Amino acid sequence: MVKRRRSFATEFKREAASLVLNQGYSVEEASRSLEIGETAL
């Protein structure tokens, strides 16, 4: 069984980074709200 990596659109990446950099979320909070792993964020 091959595990595939998820790919994220550029806009999704910008919004995810904005949660942490501009809106005061911790990495843990942002990854939980986006339903992605902390290492993906």
PDB file of N, CA and C in Angstrom:
ATOM      1  N   MET A   1       0.838  -1.187   0.000  1.00  0.00           N
ATOM      2  CA  MET A   1       0.000   0.000   0.000  1.00  0.00           C
ATOM      3  C   MET A   1       0.883   1.250   0.000  1.00  0.00           C
ATOM      4  N   VAL A   2       0.678   2.087  -0.973  1.00  0.00           N
ATOM      5  CA  VAL A   2       1.469   3.308  -1.117  1.00  0.00           C
ATOM      6  C   VAL A   2       0.726   4.462  -0.459  1.00  0.00           C
ATOM      7  N   LYS A   3       1.451   5.192   0.358  1.00  0.00           N
ATOM      8  CA  LYS A   3       0.867   6.357   1.024  1.00  0.00           C
ATOM      9  C   LYS A   3       1.175   7.588   0.185  1.00  0.00           C
ATOM     10  N   ARG A   4       0.148   8.315  -0.190  1.00  0.00           N
ATOM     11  CA  ARG A   4       0.342   9.508  -1.028  1.00  0.00           C
ATOM     12  C   ARG A   4       0.417  10.756  -0.160  1.00  0.00           C
ATOM     13  N   ARG A   5       1.259  11.672  -0.578  1.00  0.00           N
ATOM     14  CA  ARG A   5       1.365  12.954   0.115  1.00  0.00           C
ATOM     15  C   ARG A   5       0.249  13.864  -0.352  1.00  0.00           C
ATOM     16  N   ARG A   6      -0.314  14.581   0.584  1.00  0.00           N
ATOM     17  CA  ARG A   6      -1.337  15.565   0.219  1.00  0.00           C
ATOM     18  C   ARG A   6      -0.642  16.784  -0.366  1.00  0.00           C
ATOM     19  N   SER A   7      -1.299  17.413  -1.315  1.00  0.00           N
ATOM     20  CA  SER A   7      -0.775  18.670  -1.840  1.00  0.00           C
ATOM     21  C   SER A   7      -1.784  19.768  -1.517  1.00  0.00           C
ATOM     22  N   PHE A   8      -1.273  20.945  -1.283  1.00  0.00           N
ATOM     23  CA  PHE A   8      -2.110  22.063  -0.869  1.00  0.00           C
ATOM     24  C   PHE A   8      -1.956  23.208  -1.857  1.00  0.00           C
ATOM     25  N   ALA A   9      -3.057  23.857  -2.147  1.00  0.00           N
ATOM     26  CA  ALA A   9      -3.052  25.001  -3.051  1.00  0.00           C
ATOM     27  C   ALA A   9      -2.291  26.164  -2.410  1.00  0.00           C
ATOM     28  N   THR A  10      -1.741  27.008  -3.233  1.00  0.00           N
ATOM     29  CA  THR A  10      -0.972  28.153  -2.757  1.00  0.00           C
ATOM     30  C   THR A  10      -1.796  29.035  -1.823  1.00  0.00           C
ATOM     31  N   GLU A  11      -3.042  29.268  -2.165  1.00  0.00           N
ATOM     32  CA  GLU A  11      -3.894  30.113  -1.323  1.00  0.00           C
ATOM     33  C   GLU A  11      -4.116  29.481   0.056  1.00  0.00           C
ATOM     34  N   PHE A  12      -4.292  28.180   0.103  1.00  0.00           N
ATOM     35  CA  PHE A  12      -4.450  27.473   1.381  1.00  0.00           C
ATOM     36  C   PHE A  12      -3.192  27.652   2.226  1.00  0.00           C
ATOM     37  N   LYS A  13      -2.033  27.539   1.609  1.00  0.00           N
ATOM     38  CA  LYS A  13      -0.773  27.709   2.337  1.00  0.00           C
ATOM     39  C   LYS A  13      -0.653  29.113   2.905  1.00  0.00           C
ATOM     40  N   ARG A  14      -1.041  30.101   2.117  1.00  0.00           N
ATOM     41  CA  ARG A  14      -0.975  31.495   2.594  1.00  0.00           C
ATOM     42  C   ARG A  14      -1.907  31.708   3.782  1.00  0.00           C
ATOM     43  N   GLU A  15      -3.111  31.181   3.680  1.00  0.00           N
ATOM     44  CA  GLU A  15      -4.073  31.336   4.776  1.00  0.00           C
ATOM     45  C   GLU A  15      -3.589  30.609   6.031  1.00  0.00           C
ATOM     46  N   ALA A  16      -3.013  29.432   5.864  1.00  0.00           N
ATOM     47  CA  ALA A  16      -2.504  28.673   7.004  1.00  0.00           C
ATOM     48  C   ALA A  16      -1.372  29.428   7.693  1.00  0.00           C
ATOM     49  N   ALA A  17      -0.451  29.969   6.921  1.00  0.00           N
ATOM     50  CA  ALA A  17       0.655  30.741   7.490  1.00  0.00           C
ATOM     51  C   ALA A  17       0.139  31.998   8.171  1.00  0.00           C
ATOM     52  N   SER A  18      -0.880  32.613   7.601  1.00  0.00           N
ATOM     53  CA  SER A  18      -1.453  33.828   8.164  1.00  0.00           C
ATOM     54  C   SER A  18      -2.057  33.591   9.546  1.00  0.00           C
ATOM     55  N   LEU A  19      -2.627  32.421   9.753  1.00  0.00           N
ATOM     56  CA  LEU A  19      -3.189  32.107  11.070  1.00  0.00           C
ATOM     57  C   LEU A  19      -2.130  32.244  12.157  1.00  0.00           C
ATOM     58  N   VAL A  20      -0.939  31.750  11.873  1.00  0.00           N
ATOM     59  CA  VAL A  20       0.139  31.776  12.865  1.00  0.00           C
ATOM     60  C   VAL A  20       0.834  33.131  12.895  1.00  0.00           C
ATOM     61  N   LEU A  21       1.163  33.652  11.722  1.00  0.00           N
ATOM     62  CA  LEU A  21       1.974  34.866  11.666  1.00  0.00           C
ATOM     63  C   LEU A  21       1.204  36.151  11.961  1.00  0.00           C
ATOM     64  N   ASN A  22      -0.064  36.198  11.541  1.00  0.00           N
ATOM     65  CA  ASN A  22      -0.808  37.457  11.659  1.00  0.00           C
ATOM     66  C   ASN A  22      -1.964  37.414  12.654  1.00  0.00           C
ATOM     67  N   GLN A  23      -2.479  36.224  12.933  1.00  0.00           N
ATOM     68  CA  GLN A  23      -3.685  36.149  13.754  1.00  0.00           C
ATOM     69  C   GLN A  23      -3.452  35.573  15.143  1.00  0.00           C
ATOM     70  N   GLY A  24      -2.208  35.283  15.482  1.00  0.00           N
ATOM     71  CA  GLY A  24      -1.879  34.881  16.849  1.00  0.00           C
ATOM     72  C   GLY A  24      -2.175  33.435  17.218  1.00  0.00           C
ATOM     73  N   TYR A  25      -2.468  32.586  16.236  1.00  0.00           N
ATOM     74  CA  TYR A  25      -2.676  31.169  16.537  1.00  0.00           C
ATOM     75  C   TYR A  25      -1.328  30.522  16.816  1.00  0.00           C
ATOM     76  N   SER A  26      -1.317  29.503  17.671  1.00  0.00           N
ATOM     77  CA  SER A  26      -0.114  28.690  17.804  1.00  0.00           C
ATOM     78  C   SER A  26      -0.117  27.704  16.641  1.00  0.00           C
ATOM     79  N   VAL A  27       1.019  27.082  16.373  1.00  0.00           N
ATOM     80  CA  VAL A  27       1.087  26.087  15.298  1.00  0.00           C
ATOM     81  C   VAL A  27       0.114  24.956  15.593  1.00  0.00           C
ATOM     82  N   GLU A  28       0.050  24.541  16.845  1.00  0.00           N
ATOM     83  CA  GLU A  28      -0.862  23.467  17.235  1.00  0.00           C
ATOM     84  C   GLU A  28      -2.322  23.851  16.971  1.00  0.00           C
ATOM     85  N   GLU A  29      -2.715  25.052  17.365  1.00  0.00           N
ATOM     86  CA  GLU A  29      -4.095  25.504  17.147  1.00  0.00           C
ATOM     87  C   GLU A  29      -4.430  25.603  15.663  1.00  0.00           C
ATOM     88  N   ALA A  30      -3.516  26.167  14.891  1.00  0.00           N
ATOM     89  CA  ALA A  30      -3.754  26.333  13.459  1.00  0.00           C
ATOM     90  C   ALA A  30      -3.871  24.983  12.761  1.00  0.00           C
ATOM     91  N   SER A  31      -2.971  24.063  13.067  1.00  0.00           N
ATOM     92  CA  SER A  31      -3.024  22.757  12.414  1.00  0.00           C
ATOM     93  C   SER A  31      -4.284  21.998  12.797  1.00  0.00           C
ATOM     94  N   ARG A  32      -4.705  22.130  14.034  1.00  0.00           N
ATOM     95  CA  ARG A  32      -5.949  21.473  14.467  1.00  0.00           C
ATOM     96  C   ARG A  32      -7.152  22.066  13.737  1.00  0.00           C
ATOM     97  N   SER A  33      -7.213  23.370  13.617  1.00  0.00           N
ATOM     98  CA  SER A  33      -8.368  24.009  12.961  1.00  0.00           C
ATOM     99  C   SER A  33      -8.408  23.713  11.466  1.00  0.00           C
ATOM    100  N   LEU A  34      -7.234  23.480  10.864  1.00  0.00           N
ATOM    101  CA  LEU A  34      -7.183  23.178   9.432  1.00  0.00           C
ATOM    102  C   LEU A  34      -7.217  21.677   9.152  1.00  0.00           C
ATOM    103  N   GLU A  35      -7.196  20.887  10.219  1.00  0.00           N
ATOM    104  CA  GLU A  35      -7.204  19.421  10.124  1.00  0.00           C
ATOM    105  C   GLU A  35      -6.024  18.883   9.326  1.00  0.00           C
ATOM    106  N   ILE A  36      -4.840  19.438   9.623  1.00  0.00           N
ATOM    107  CA  ILE A  36      -3.597  18.945   9.043  1.00  0.00           C
ATOM    108  C   ILE A  36      -2.602  18.742  10.181  1.00  0.00           C
ATOM    109  N   GLY A  37      -1.583  17.946   9.934  1.00  0.00           N
ATOM    110  CA  GLY A  37      -0.557  17.715  10.962  1.00  0.00           C
ATOM    111  C   GLY A  37       0.316  18.937  11.171  1.00  0.00           C
ATOM    112  N   GLU A  38       0.865  19.029  12.362  1.00  0.00           N
ATOM    113  CA  GLU A  38       1.737  20.171  12.670  1.00  0.00           C
ATOM    114  C   GLU A  38       2.941  20.220  11.741  1.00  0.00           C
ATOM    115  N   THR A  39       3.482  19.060  11.369  1.00  0.00           N
ATOM    116  CA  THR A  39       4.653  19.050  10.487  1.00  0.00           C
ATOM    117  C   THR A  39       4.291  19.495   9.087  1.00  0.00           C
ATOM    118  N   ALA A  40       3.043  19.303   8.678  1.00  0.00           N
ATOM    119  CA  ALA A  40       2.601  19.771   7.367  1.00  0.00           C
ATOM    120  C   ALA A  40       2.489  21.290   7.360  1.00  0.00           C
ATOM    121  N   LEU A  41       2.163  21.838   8.512  1.00  0.00           N
ATOM    122  CA  LEU A  41       2.025  23.291   8.599  1.00  0.00           C
ATOM    123  C   LEU A  41       3.402  23.933   8.638  1.00  0.00           C
TER     124      LEU A  41
END
